[in-house]
Amino acid sequence: MAKVTRDDVARLAGTSTAVVSYVINNGPRPVAPATRERVLAAIKELGYRPDRVAQAMASRRTDLIGLIVPDARQPFFAEMAHAVEQAAAERGKMVLVGNSDYLDEREVHYLRAFLGMRVSGLILISQGPSETAAMEIDAWDARVVLMHRRPDAIDDVAVVTDDVGGAQLATRHLLEHGHPYVACLGGTEVTPTVGDPVTDHVEGWRRAMREAGKSLEGRLFPAPYNRYDAYKVALELLAGPNRPPALMCATDDQAIGVLRAARELRIDVPGELAVAAFDDVKEAALTDPPLTTVASDRQAMARSAVDLVLDDGLRFAGSRRERLKQFPSRLVIRRSCGCG
């Protein structure tokens, strides 16, 4: 059976192949509604399927967006990836996902792979791009938008949330419950990293504590970002002689590990230990007790990142500061902090 071509569709619809192309690609020129309906009916009747490979070779771009995340097994990154996929679908694009596993060489591997595939653009949720990654992006003259984190190494536009302000909100709220101080479960970085969300969460905690006249000494505890390792850290911390009355966790995943450790040690939350965190993953509403946390508008951030990576005029407008798209944070109050 002969392959159906765009010419066949144009003949049956009584129009030009250019108009068929405009309908298939949703542009760049508008098509009258009646003409569009004729083209779509012809496509359906003939069973026409566009040759995406040929289109990509002609335009040197595909209908794909590359997305690199540190670890899609973590709920926050999984939910962010899903939001990006939904936003990309609204623009007629599909998403390829690669996990860097917090390793520079894996991040560079996916950068090269996705850019070599001529993706329409690339969204990078990075653990902190290396100089090699930054050079790779420059070498490809790539359409890259940073998301969730914006380090100094890469000057592309970034879509982030107000990490410092959100952590301040959560820490202040815990202090308003009358606790003498709030401890913080931070990340594992010894040296603060510019643009790192967890570093900013810790900074927000510091600011709220200083505003309240509270000492910071001995009240910041390093812990990995995932619940399993955070659980081990929490077991030791909560079983020790200096158990804090309240704890601000840099991520929800850490807080889930803390709640598990508290339950095993028979420590009442929030009666003996108040807990708040950051991210508002869906699971936060189902923990025992439900977790007070800071939320960002992931859907709006994902739409913004997709729009920016596809629209050059938006990506390159303004100064570095103006190309930082920061979304506000909001406190989601549940029972782990002592409310309700």
C-alpha atoms as a PDB file:
ATOM      1  CA  MET A   1       0.000   0.000   0.000  1.00  0.00           C
ATOM      2  CA  ALA A   2       1.451   3.393  -1.056  1.00  0.00           C
ATOM      3  CA  LYS A   3       2.466   5.749   1.713  1.00  0.00           C
ATOM      4  CA  VAL A   4       0.081   8.663   2.200  1.00  0.00           C
ATOM      5  CA  THR A   5       1.824  11.998   1.643  1.00  0.00           C
ATOM      6  CA  ARG A   6       1.104  15.611   2.456  1.00  0.00           C
ATOM      7  CA  ASP A   7       0.312  16.114  -1.245  1.00  0.00           C
ATOM      8  CA  ASP A   8      -2.459  13.512  -0.947  1.00  0.00           C
ATOM      9  CA  VAL A   9      -3.969  15.365   1.999  1.00  0.00           C
ATOM     10  CA  ALA A  10      -3.801  18.692   0.146  1.00  0.00           C
ATOM     11  CA  ARG A  11      -5.545  17.242  -2.945  1.00  0.00           C
ATOM     12  CA  LEU A  12      -8.369  15.718  -0.913  1.00  0.00           C
ATOM     13  CA  ALA A  13      -8.827  18.878   1.186  1.00  0.00           C
ATOM     14  CA  GLY A  14      -8.646  21.133  -1.876  1.00  0.00           C
ATOM     15  CA  THR A  15      -5.853  23.256  -0.542  1.00  0.00           C
ATOM     16  CA  SER A  16      -2.070  23.672  -0.759  1.00  0.00           C
ATOM     17  CA  THR A  17       0.567  21.577   1.005  1.00  0.00           C
ATOM     18  CA  ALA A  18       1.651  24.749   2.838  1.00  0.00           C
ATOM     19  CA  VAL A  19      -1.805  25.050   4.414  1.00  0.00           C
ATOM     20  CA  VAL A  20      -1.667  21.384   5.425  1.00  0.00           C
ATOM     21  CA  SER A  21       1.681  22.121   7.079  1.00  0.00           C
ATOM     22  CA  TYR A  22       0.202  25.109   8.966  1.00  0.00           C
ATOM     23  CA  VAL A  23      -2.594  22.900  10.301  1.00  0.00           C
ATOM     24  CA  ILE A  24      -0.259  20.085  11.356  1.00  0.00           C
ATOM     25  CA  ASN A  25       2.231  22.421  13.019  1.00  0.00           C
ATOM     26  CA  ASN A  26      -0.380  24.843  14.361  1.00  0.00           C
ATOM     27  CA  GLY A  27       1.320  27.688  12.495  1.00  0.00           C
ATOM     28  CA  PRO A  28       3.243  29.775  11.726  1.00  0.00           C
ATOM     29  CA  ARG A  29       0.343  31.241   9.703  1.00  0.00           C
ATOM     30  CA  PRO A  30      -3.333  31.130  10.717  1.00  0.00           C
ATOM     31  CA  VAL A  31      -5.775  28.895   8.856  1.00  0.00           C
ATOM     32  CA  ALA A  32      -9.491  29.618   8.480  1.00  0.00           C
ATOM     33  CA  PRO A  33     -11.642  27.320  10.672  1.00  0.00           C
ATOM     34  CA  ALA A  34     -13.498  25.789   7.692  1.00  0.00           C
ATOM     35  CA  THR A  35     -10.223  25.057   5.881  1.00  0.00           C
ATOM     36  CA  ARG A  36      -8.718  23.594   9.025  1.00  0.00           C
ATOM     37  CA  GLU A  37     -11.702  21.252   9.369  1.00  0.00           C
ATOM     38  CA  ARG A  38     -11.309  20.066   5.756  1.00  0.00           C
ATOM     39  CA  VAL A  39      -7.615  19.362   6.293  1.00  0.00           C
ATOM     40  CA  LEU A  40      -8.225  17.482   9.545  1.00  0.00           C
ATOM     41  CA  ALA A  41     -10.998  15.443   7.900  1.00  0.00           C
ATOM     42  CA  ALA A  42      -8.662  14.544   5.014  1.00  0.00           C
ATOM     43  CA  ILE A  43      -5.902  13.543   7.440  1.00  0.00           C
ATOM     44  CA  LYS A  44      -8.330  11.276   9.283  1.00  0.00           C
ATOM     45  CA  GLU A  45      -9.800   9.749   6.099  1.00  0.00           C
ATOM     46  CA  LEU A  46      -6.387   8.999   4.576  1.00  0.00           C
ATOM     47  CA  GLY A  47      -4.726   7.958   7.845  1.00  0.00           C
ATOM     48  CA  TYR A  48      -1.886  10.415   7.238  1.00  0.00           C
ATOM     49  CA  ARG A  49       0.968  10.410   9.769  1.00  0.00           C
ATOM     50  CA  PRO A  50       3.563  13.230   9.555  1.00  0.00           C
ATOM     51  CA  ASP A  51       7.183  12.136   9.164  1.00  0.00           C
ATOM     52  CA  ARG A  52       8.621  13.758  12.277  1.00  0.00           C
ATOM     53  CA  VAL A  53      12.155  12.626  11.461  1.00  0.00           C
ATOM     54  CA  ALA A  54      12.064  14.345   8.081  1.00  0.00           C
ATOM     55  CA  GLN A  55      10.603  17.462   9.647  1.00  0.00           C
ATOM     56  CA  ALA A  56      13.359  17.522  12.250  1.00  0.00           C
ATOM     57  CA  MET A  57      16.061  17.122   9.597  1.00  0.00           C
ATOM     58  CA  ALA A  58      14.611  19.989   7.578  1.00  0.00           C
ATOM     59  CA  SER A  59      14.192  22.369  10.514  1.00  0.00           C
ATOM     60  CA  ARG A  60      17.175  21.088  12.550  1.00  0.00           C
ATOM     61  CA  ARG A  61      14.761  20.971  15.518  1.00  0.00           C
ATOM     62  CA  THR A  62      12.539  18.226  16.874  1.00  0.00           C
ATOM     63  CA  ASP A  63       9.244  18.368  18.748  1.00  0.00           C
ATOM     64  CA  LEU A  64      11.143  17.297  21.861  1.00  0.00           C
ATOM     65  CA  ILE A  65      12.169  19.142  25.011  1.00  0.00           C
ATOM     66  CA  GLY A  66      14.983  17.662  27.073  1.00  0.00           C
ATOM     67  CA  LEU A  67      14.587  17.675  30.853  1.00  0.00           C
ATOM     68  CA  ILE A  68      17.460  16.789  33.179  1.00  0.00           C
ATOM     69  CA  VAL A  69      16.653  16.185  36.859  1.00  0.00           C
ATOM     70  CA  PRO A  70      18.890  15.102  39.740  1.00  0.00           C
ATOM     71  CA  ASP A  71      16.734  12.116  40.766  1.00  0.00           C
ATOM     72  CA  ALA A  72      13.219  11.433  39.454  1.00  0.00           C
ATOM     73  CA  ARG A  73      12.660   8.940  42.286  1.00  0.00           C
ATOM     74  CA  GLN A  74      12.362  11.857  44.703  1.00  0.00           C
ATOM     75  CA  PRO A  75       8.745  13.050  44.847  1.00  0.00           C
ATOM     76  CA  PHE A  76       9.578  16.728  44.328  1.00  0.00           C
ATOM     77  CA  PHE A  77      11.458  16.109  41.084  1.00  0.00           C
ATOM     78  CA  ALA A  78       8.879  13.566  39.916  1.00  0.00           C
ATOM     79  CA  GLU A  79       6.081  16.095  40.389  1.00  0.00           C
ATOM     80  CA  MET A  80       8.126  18.828  38.707  1.00  0.00           C
ATOM     81  CA  ALA A  81       8.846  16.556  35.721  1.00  0.00           C
ATOM     82  CA  HIS A  82       5.136  15.745  35.400  1.00  0.00           C
ATOM     83  CA  ALA A  83       4.273  19.459  35.444  1.00  0.00           C
ATOM     84  CA  VAL A  84       6.839  20.125  32.693  1.00  0.00           C
ATOM     85  CA  GLU A  85       5.421  17.265  30.616  1.00  0.00           C
ATOM     86  CA  GLN A  86       1.901  18.690  30.903  1.00  0.00           C
ATOM     87  CA  ALA A  87       3.080  22.197  29.979  1.00  0.00           C
ATOM     88  CA  ALA A  88       5.059  20.849  27.011  1.00  0.00           C
ATOM     89  CA  ALA A  89       2.008  18.937  25.752  1.00  0.00           C
ATOM     90  CA  GLU A  90       0.056  22.196  25.721  1.00  0.00           C
ATOM     91  CA  ARG A  91       2.694  23.527  23.303  1.00  0.00           C
ATOM     92  CA  GLY A  92       2.624  20.393  21.140  1.00  0.00           C
ATOM     93  CA  LYS A  93       5.947  19.079  22.457  1.00  0.00           C
ATOM     94  CA  MET A  94       7.074  15.866  24.123  1.00  0.00           C
ATOM     95  CA  VAL A  95       9.635  15.533  26.914  1.00  0.00           C
ATOM     96  CA  LEU A  96      12.722  13.351  27.224  1.00  0.00           C
ATOM     97  CA  VAL A  97      13.855  12.896  30.835  1.00  0.00           C
ATOM     98  CA  GLY A  98      17.361  12.082  32.051  1.00  0.00           C
ATOM     99  CA  ASN A  99      18.515  11.558  35.654  1.00  0.00           C
ATOM    100  CA  SER A 100      21.896  13.057  36.554  1.00  0.00           C
ATOM    101  CA  ASP A 101      21.979  11.206  39.904  1.00  0.00           C
ATOM    102  CA  TYR A 102      23.706  14.313  41.316  1.00  0.00           C
ATOM    103  CA  LEU A 103      26.790  13.497  39.213  1.00  0.00           C
ATOM    104  CA  ASP A 104      28.483  16.057  36.961  1.00  0.00           C
ATOM    105  CA  GLU A 105      29.467  13.455  34.371  1.00  0.00           C
ATOM    106  CA  ARG A 106      25.878  12.166  34.089  1.00  0.00           C
ATOM    107  CA  GLU A 107      24.575  15.693  33.690  1.00  0.00           C
ATOM    108  CA  VAL A 108      27.070  16.402  30.902  1.00  0.00           C
ATOM    109  CA  HIS A 109      26.184  13.051  29.292  1.00  0.00           C
ATOM    110  CA  TYR A 110      22.517  14.007  29.010  1.00  0.00           C
ATOM    111  CA  LEU A 111      23.344  17.545  27.907  1.00  0.00           C
ATOM    112  CA  ARG A 112      25.346  16.160  24.992  1.00  0.00           C
ATOM    113  CA  ALA A 113      22.796  13.470  24.182  1.00  0.00           C
ATOM    114  CA  PHE A 114      19.746  15.741  24.203  1.00  0.00           C
ATOM    115  CA  LEU A 115      21.401  18.659  22.419  1.00  0.00           C
ATOM    116  CA  GLY A 116      22.813  16.240  19.852  1.00  0.00           C
ATOM    117  CA  MET A 117      19.258  15.083  19.180  1.00  0.00           C
ATOM    118  CA  ARG A 118      18.367  18.678  18.264  1.00  0.00           C
ATOM    119  CA  VAL A 119      15.722  19.076  20.946  1.00  0.00           C
ATOM    120  CA  SER A 120      13.665  22.259  20.667  1.00  0.00           C
ATOM    121  CA  GLY A 121      15.033  23.279  24.031  1.00  0.00           C
ATOM    122  CA  LEU A 122      16.399  21.933  27.279  1.00  0.00           C
ATOM    123  CA  ILE A 123      15.226  22.481  30.857  1.00  0.00           C
ATOM    124  CA  LEU A 124      17.918  21.819  33.419  1.00  0.00           C
ATOM    125  CA  ILE A 125      17.139  21.071  37.064  1.00  0.00           C
ATOM    126  CA  SER A 126      20.723  20.818  38.173  1.00  0.00           C
ATOM    127  CA  GLN A 127      22.592  19.880  41.312  1.00  0.00           C
ATOM    128  CA  GLY A 128      24.883  22.761  40.336  1.00  0.00           C
ATOM    129  CA  PRO A 129      26.279  22.719  36.810  1.00  0.00           C
ATOM    130  CA  SER A 130      30.009  22.104  36.481  1.00  0.00           C
ATOM    131  CA  GLU A 131      32.294  24.199  34.309  1.00  0.00           C
ATOM    132  CA  THR A 132      32.160  21.359  31.765  1.00  0.00           C
ATOM    133  CA  ALA A 133      28.357  21.571  31.638  1.00  0.00           C
ATOM    134  CA  ALA A 134      28.497  25.345  31.217  1.00  0.00           C
ATOM    135  CA  MET A 135      31.031  24.989  28.377  1.00  0.00           C
ATOM    136  CA  GLU A 136      28.871  22.322  26.724  1.00  0.00           C
ATOM    137  CA  ILE A 137      25.864  24.624  26.721  1.00  0.00           C
ATOM    138  CA  ASP A 138      27.924  27.484  25.259  1.00  0.00           C
ATOM    139  CA  ALA A 139      29.428  25.209  22.601  1.00  0.00           C
ATOM    140  CA  TRP A 140      26.011  24.112  21.342  1.00  0.00           C
ATOM    141  CA  ASP A 141      24.557  27.630  21.579  1.00  0.00           C
ATOM    142  CA  ALA A 142      21.726  25.774  23.271  1.00  0.00           C
ATOM    143  CA  ARG A 143      18.239  26.850  24.234  1.00  0.00           C
ATOM    144  CA  VAL A 144      18.519  26.167  27.955  1.00  0.00           C
ATOM    145  CA  VAL A 145      16.338  27.279  30.843  1.00  0.00           C
ATOM    146  CA  LEU A 146      17.401  26.555  34.399  1.00  0.00           C
ATOM    147  CA  MET A 147      14.675  25.487  36.780  1.00  0.00           C
ATOM    148  CA  HIS A 148      14.519  25.260  40.585  1.00  0.00           C
ATOM    149  CA  ARG A 149      18.142  26.364  40.905  1.00  0.00           C
ATOM    150  CA  ARG A 150      20.275  29.072  39.322  1.00  0.00           C
ATOM    151  CA  PRO A 151      24.001  28.869  40.010  1.00  0.00           C
ATOM    152  CA  ASP A 152      26.499  31.461  38.819  1.00  0.00           C
ATOM    153  CA  ALA A 153      28.164  29.054  36.374  1.00  0.00           C
ATOM    154  CA  ILE A 154      25.402  29.410  33.756  1.00  0.00           C
ATOM    155  CA  ASP A 155      23.932  32.742  32.720  1.00  0.00           C
ATOM    156  CA  ASP A 156      20.763  31.440  31.062  1.00  0.00           C
ATOM    157  CA  VAL A 157      17.322  32.441  32.267  1.00  0.00           C
ATOM    158  CA  ALA A 158      16.072  30.618  35.363  1.00  0.00           C
ATOM    159  CA  VAL A 159      12.666  29.806  36.845  1.00  0.00           C
ATOM    160  CA  VAL A 160      12.797  29.506  40.632  1.00  0.00           C
ATOM    161  CA  THR A 161      10.680  29.928  43.728  1.00  0.00           C
ATOM    162  CA  ASP A 162      11.283  32.240  46.702  1.00  0.00           C
ATOM    163  CA  ASP A 163      13.266  29.706  48.723  1.00  0.00           C
ATOM    164  CA  VAL A 164      14.616  32.117  51.337  1.00  0.00           C
ATOM    165  CA  GLY A 165      11.285  33.819  51.954  1.00  0.00           C
ATOM    166  CA  GLY A 166       9.386  30.543  52.133  1.00  0.00           C
ATOM    167  CA  ALA A 167      11.736  29.063  54.725  1.00  0.00           C
ATOM    168  CA  GLN A 168      11.444  32.268  56.750  1.00  0.00           C
ATOM    169  CA  LEU A 169       7.659  31.900  56.749  1.00  0.00           C
ATOM    170  CA  ALA A 170       7.826  28.322  58.045  1.00  0.00           C
ATOM    171  CA  THR A 171      10.423  29.073  60.739  1.00  0.00           C
ATOM    172  CA  ARG A 172       8.545  32.146  61.965  1.00  0.00           C
ATOM    173  CA  HIS A 173       5.383  30.078  62.181  1.00  0.00           C
ATOM    174  CA  LEU A 174       7.098  27.476  64.364  1.00  0.00           C
ATOM    175  CA  LEU A 175       8.495  30.209  66.618  1.00  0.00           C
ATOM    176  CA  GLU A 176       5.028  31.745  66.935  1.00  0.00           C
ATOM    177  CA  HIS A 177       3.952  28.528  68.657  1.00  0.00           C
ATOM    178  CA  GLY A 178       6.163  29.577  71.561  1.00  0.00           C
ATOM    179  CA  HIS A 179       9.129  27.262  71.059  1.00  0.00           C
ATOM    180  CA  PRO A 180      12.374  28.555  72.594  1.00  0.00           C
ATOM    181  CA  TYR A 181      14.146  27.889  69.315  1.00  0.00           C
ATOM    182  CA  VAL A 182      13.840  26.008  66.023  1.00  0.00           C
ATOM    183  CA  ALA A 183      16.584  23.663  64.818  1.00  0.00           C
ATOM    184  CA  CYS A 184      17.200  23.083  61.122  1.00  0.00           C
ATOM    185  CA  LEU A 185      17.829  19.914  59.144  1.00  0.00           C
ATOM    186  CA  GLY A 186      19.832  21.260  56.215  1.00  0.00           C
ATOM    187  CA  GLY A 187      21.726  19.696  53.355  1.00  0.00           C
ATOM    188  CA  THR A 188      25.131  18.061  53.285  1.00  0.00           C
ATOM    189  CA  GLU A 189      27.016  20.985  51.754  1.00  0.00           C
ATOM    190  CA  VAL A 190      29.860  22.179  53.963  1.00  0.00           C
ATOM    191  CA  THR A 191      30.292  25.404  51.962  1.00  0.00           C
ATOM    192  CA  PRO A 192      27.135  27.335  50.985  1.00  0.00           C
ATOM    193  CA  THR A 193      26.438  27.067  47.248  1.00  0.00           C
ATOM    194  CA  VAL A 194      25.112  30.063  45.339  1.00  0.00           C
ATOM    195  CA  GLY A 195      21.635  29.459  43.935  1.00  0.00           C
ATOM    196  CA  ASP A 196      21.120  26.141  45.741  1.00  0.00           C
ATOM    197  CA  PRO A 197      17.529  25.855  47.053  1.00  0.00           C
ATOM    198  CA  VAL A 198      18.506  23.914  50.183  1.00  0.00           C
ATOM    199  CA  THR A 199      21.189  26.498  50.985  1.00  0.00           C
ATOM    200  CA  ASP A 200      18.496  29.160  50.595  1.00  0.00           C
ATOM    201  CA  HIS A 201      16.122  27.240  52.864  1.00  0.00           C
ATOM    202  CA  VAL A 202      18.807  27.220  55.528  1.00  0.00           C
ATOM    203  CA  GLU A 203      19.379  30.942  54.963  1.00  0.00           C
ATOM    204  CA  GLY A 204      15.659  31.586  55.443  1.00  0.00           C
ATOM    205  CA  TRP A 205      15.778  29.669  58.720  1.00  0.00           C
ATOM    206  CA  ARG A 206      18.812  31.725  59.822  1.00  0.00           C
ATOM    207  CA  ARG A 207      17.080  35.011  59.063  1.00  0.00           C
ATOM    208  CA  ALA A 208      13.920  34.087  60.959  1.00  0.00           C
ATOM    209  CA  MET A 209      15.951  32.937  63.955  1.00  0.00           C
ATOM    210  CA  ARG A 210      18.033  36.116  63.977  1.00  0.00           C
ATOM    211  CA  GLU A 211      14.913  38.264  63.671  1.00  0.00           C
ATOM    212  CA  ALA A 212      13.591  36.537  66.801  1.00  0.00           C
ATOM    213  CA  GLY A 213      16.883  37.027  68.653  1.00  0.00           C
ATOM    214  CA  LYS A 214      17.613  33.286  68.796  1.00  0.00           C
ATOM    215  CA  SER A 215      21.054  31.725  68.781  1.00  0.00           C
ATOM    216  CA  LEU A 216      22.036  29.590  65.797  1.00  0.00           C
ATOM    217  CA  GLU A 217      24.920  27.819  67.482  1.00  0.00           C
ATOM    218  CA  GLY A 218      24.644  24.028  67.419  1.00  0.00           C
ATOM    219  CA  ARG A 219      21.190  24.113  65.870  1.00  0.00           C
ATOM    220  CA  LEU A 220      21.940  23.302  62.217  1.00  0.00           C
ATOM    221  CA  PHE A 221      22.248  19.609  61.407  1.00  0.00           C
ATOM    222  CA  PRO A 222      23.445  18.279  58.027  1.00  0.00           C
ATOM    223  CA  ALA A 223      21.411  15.528  56.400  1.00  0.00           C
ATOM    224  CA  PRO A 224      20.986  14.068  52.914  1.00  0.00           C
ATOM    225  CA  TYR A 225      17.915  15.230  50.996  1.00  0.00           C
ATOM    226  CA  ASN A 226      16.170  11.856  50.815  1.00  0.00           C
ATOM    227  CA  ARG A 227      13.904  10.386  53.485  1.00  0.00           C
ATOM    228  CA  TYR A 228      15.879   7.194  54.016  1.00  0.00           C
ATOM    229  CA  ASP A 229      19.163   8.814  55.007  1.00  0.00           C
ATOM    230  CA  ALA A 230      17.398  11.698  56.773  1.00  0.00           C
ATOM    231  CA  TYR A 231      15.589   9.083  58.862  1.00  0.00           C
ATOM    232  CA  LYS A 232      18.957   7.736  60.089  1.00  0.00           C
ATOM    233  CA  VAL A 233      20.152  11.231  60.981  1.00  0.00           C
ATOM    234  CA  ALA A 234      16.871  11.949  62.789  1.00  0.00           C
ATOM    235  CA  LEU A 235      17.081   8.753  64.843  1.00  0.00           C
ATOM    236  CA  GLU A 236      20.393   9.889  66.289  1.00  0.00           C
ATOM    237  CA  LEU A 237      19.317  13.503  66.742  1.00  0.00           C
ATOM    238  CA  LEU A 238      15.974  12.782  68.389  1.00  0.00           C
ATOM    239  CA  ALA A 239      17.371  10.069  70.674  1.00  0.00           C
ATOM    240  CA  GLY A 240      20.124  12.374  71.917  1.00  0.00           C
ATOM    241  CA  PRO A 241      20.139  14.573  75.024  1.00  0.00           C
ATOM    242  CA  ASN A 242      19.630  17.822  73.094  1.00  0.00           C
ATOM    243  CA  ARG A 243      16.481  16.965  71.181  1.00  0.00           C
ATOM    244  CA  PRO A 244      15.087  20.192  69.670  1.00  0.00           C
ATOM    245  CA  PRO A 245      11.538  21.321  70.448  1.00  0.00           C
ATOM    246  CA  ALA A 246      10.911  22.218  66.802  1.00  0.00           C
ATOM    247  CA  LEU A 247      12.574  21.318  63.536  1.00  0.00           C
ATOM    248  CA  MET A 248      12.582  23.045  60.157  1.00  0.00           C
ATOM    249  CA  CYS A 249      13.494  20.537  57.409  1.00  0.00           C
ATOM    250  CA  ALA A 250      14.958  21.748  54.126  1.00  0.00           C
ATOM    251  CA  THR A 251      12.837  19.262  52.131  1.00  0.00           C
ATOM    252  CA  ASP A 252       9.602  17.354  52.606  1.00  0.00           C
ATOM    253  CA  ASP A 253      11.446  14.121  51.935  1.00  0.00           C
ATOM    254  CA  GLN A 254      13.710  14.797  54.928  1.00  0.00           C
ATOM    255  CA  ALA A 255      10.664  15.602  57.069  1.00  0.00           C
ATOM    256  CA  ILE A 256       9.021  12.299  56.118  1.00  0.00           C
ATOM    257  CA  GLY A 257      12.144  10.542  57.420  1.00  0.00           C
ATOM    258  CA  VAL A 258      11.984  12.630  60.613  1.00  0.00           C
ATOM    259  CA  LEU A 259       8.339  11.710  61.213  1.00  0.00           C
ATOM    260  CA  ARG A 260       9.173   8.023  60.831  1.00  0.00           C
ATOM    261  CA  ALA A 261      12.048   8.319  63.315  1.00  0.00           C
ATOM    262  CA  ALA A 262       9.869  10.192  65.807  1.00  0.00           C
ATOM    263  CA  ARG A 263       7.199   7.520  65.591  1.00  0.00           C
ATOM    264  CA  GLU A 264       9.731   4.750  66.258  1.00  0.00           C
ATOM    265  CA  LEU A 265      11.114   6.663  69.251  1.00  0.00           C
ATOM    266  CA  ARG A 266       7.570   7.313  70.558  1.00  0.00           C
ATOM    267  CA  ILE A 267       8.032  11.068  70.327  1.00  0.00           C
ATOM    268  CA  ASP A 268       4.713  12.831  69.894  1.00  0.00           C
ATOM    269  CA  VAL A 269       4.472  15.168  66.901  1.00  0.00           C
ATOM    270  CA  PRO A 270       3.604  17.977  67.401  1.00  0.00           C
ATOM    271  CA  GLY A 271       3.270  17.673  71.191  1.00  0.00           C
ATOM    272  CA  GLU A 272       6.979  16.990  71.851  1.00  0.00           C
ATOM    273  CA  LEU A 273       8.409  17.918  68.464  1.00  0.00           C
ATOM    274  CA  ALA A 274       6.954  20.394  65.979  1.00  0.00           C
ATOM    275  CA  VAL A 275       7.967  19.871  62.338  1.00  0.00           C
ATOM    276  CA  ALA A 276       7.762  21.998  59.196  1.00  0.00           C
ATOM    277  CA  ALA A 277       9.406  21.555  55.799  1.00  0.00           C
ATOM    278  CA  PHE A 278       9.615  22.802  52.225  1.00  0.00           C
ATOM    279  CA  ASP A 279       8.221  21.553  48.852  1.00  0.00           C
ATOM    280  CA  ASP A 280       4.595  20.470  49.530  1.00  0.00           C
ATOM    281  CA  VAL A 281       4.809  17.188  47.650  1.00  0.00           C
ATOM    282  CA  LYS A 282       1.460  15.406  47.463  1.00  0.00           C
ATOM    283  CA  GLU A 283       2.529  12.891  50.106  1.00  0.00           C
ATOM    284  CA  ALA A 284       2.912  15.710  52.660  1.00  0.00           C
ATOM    285  CA  ALA A 285      -0.865  15.804  53.139  1.00  0.00           C
ATOM    286  CA  LEU A 286      -0.920  12.061  53.935  1.00  0.00           C
ATOM    287  CA  THR A 287       1.847  11.811  56.551  1.00  0.00           C
ATOM    288  CA  ASP A 288       0.996  11.172  60.199  1.00  0.00           C
ATOM    289  CA  PRO A 289       0.454  13.881  61.269  1.00  0.00           C
ATOM    290  CA  PRO A 290      -0.045  15.819  58.017  1.00  0.00           C
ATOM    291  CA  LEU A 291       2.997  17.946  57.299  1.00  0.00           C
ATOM    292  CA  THR A 292       3.112  21.729  57.500  1.00  0.00           C
ATOM    293  CA  THR A 293       5.224  22.825  54.550  1.00  0.00           C
ATOM    294  CA  VAL A 294       6.032  25.558  52.046  1.00  0.00           C
ATOM    295  CA  ALA A 295       4.494  25.287  48.576  1.00  0.00           C
ATOM    296  CA  SER A 296       5.487  26.724  45.238  1.00  0.00           C
ATOM    297  CA  ASP A 297       3.313  26.904  42.137  1.00  0.00           C
ATOM    298  CA  ARG A 298       4.956  24.088  40.186  1.00  0.00           C
ATOM    299  CA  GLN A 299       2.392  24.193  37.381  1.00  0.00           C
ATOM    300  CA  ALA A 300       2.990  27.900  36.752  1.00  0.00           C
ATOM    301  CA  MET A 301       6.753  27.419  36.993  1.00  0.00           C
ATOM    302  CA  ALA A 302       6.648  24.557  34.495  1.00  0.00           C
ATOM    303  CA  ARG A 303       4.563  26.563  32.017  1.00  0.00           C
ATOM    304  CA  SER A 304       6.956  29.483  32.374  1.00  0.00           C
ATOM    305  CA  ALA A 305      10.006  27.257  31.815  1.00  0.00           C
ATOM    306  CA  VAL A 306       8.486  25.658  28.700  1.00  0.00           C
ATOM    307  CA  ASP A 307       7.434  29.031  27.279  1.00  0.00           C
ATOM    308  CA  LEU A 308      10.882  30.483  27.926  1.00  0.00           C
ATOM    309  CA  VAL A 309      12.786  27.588  26.414  1.00  0.00           C
ATOM    310  CA  LEU A 310      10.701  27.749  23.227  1.00  0.00           C
ATOM    311  CA  ASP A 311      10.530  31.539  22.805  1.00  0.00           C
ATOM    312  CA  ASP A 312      13.897  33.198  22.194  1.00  0.00           C
ATOM    313  CA  GLY A 313      12.521  36.694  22.657  1.00  0.00           C
ATOM    314  CA  LEU A 314      11.442  35.874  26.183  1.00  0.00           C
ATOM    315  CA  ARG A 315      14.626  34.023  27.104  1.00  0.00           C
ATOM    316  CA  PHE A 316      17.116  36.688  26.153  1.00  0.00           C
ATOM    317  CA  ALA A 317      15.265  39.852  27.142  1.00  0.00           C
ATOM    318  CA  GLY A 318      16.739  41.989  29.904  1.00  0.00           C
ATOM    319  CA  SER A 319      19.632  41.692  32.312  1.00  0.00           C
ATOM    320  CA  ARG A 320      20.603  38.607  34.300  1.00  0.00           C
ATOM    321  CA  ARG A 321      18.470  39.841  37.201  1.00  0.00           C
ATOM    322  CA  GLU A 322      15.508  40.498  34.897  1.00  0.00           C
ATOM    323  CA  ARG A 323      15.843  37.003  33.418  1.00  0.00           C
ATOM    324  CA  LEU A 324      15.366  35.428  36.833  1.00  0.00           C
ATOM    325  CA  LYS A 325      11.690  34.434  37.008  1.00  0.00           C
ATOM    326  CA  GLN A 326      10.949  34.055  40.711  1.00  0.00           C
ATOM    327  CA  PHE A 327       7.595  32.698  41.884  1.00  0.00           C
ATOM    328  CA  PRO A 328       6.297  33.361  45.412  1.00  0.00           C
ATOM    329  CA  SER A 329       6.130  30.711  48.125  1.00  0.00           C
ATOM    330  CA  ARG A 330       3.204  30.124  50.468  1.00  0.00           C
ATOM    331  CA  LEU A 331       2.875  28.337  53.781  1.00  0.00           C
ATOM    332  CA  VAL A 332       0.544  25.332  53.859  1.00  0.00           C
ATOM    333  CA  ILE A 333      -0.462  24.796  57.502  1.00  0.00           C
ATOM    334  CA  ARG A 334      -1.282  21.275  58.661  1.00  0.00           C
ATOM    335  CA  ARG A 335      -1.000  19.502  62.028  1.00  0.00           C
ATOM    336  CA  SER A 336       2.738  18.725  62.314  1.00  0.00           C
ATOM    337  CA  CYS A 337       3.492  22.267  63.473  1.00  0.00           C
ATOM    338  CA  GLY A 338       0.921  22.222  66.264  1.00  0.00           C
ATOM    339  CA  CYS A 339      -2.025  23.798  64.448  1.00  0.00           C
ATOM    340  CA  GLY A 340      -5.399  22.120  64.192  1.00  0.00           C
END
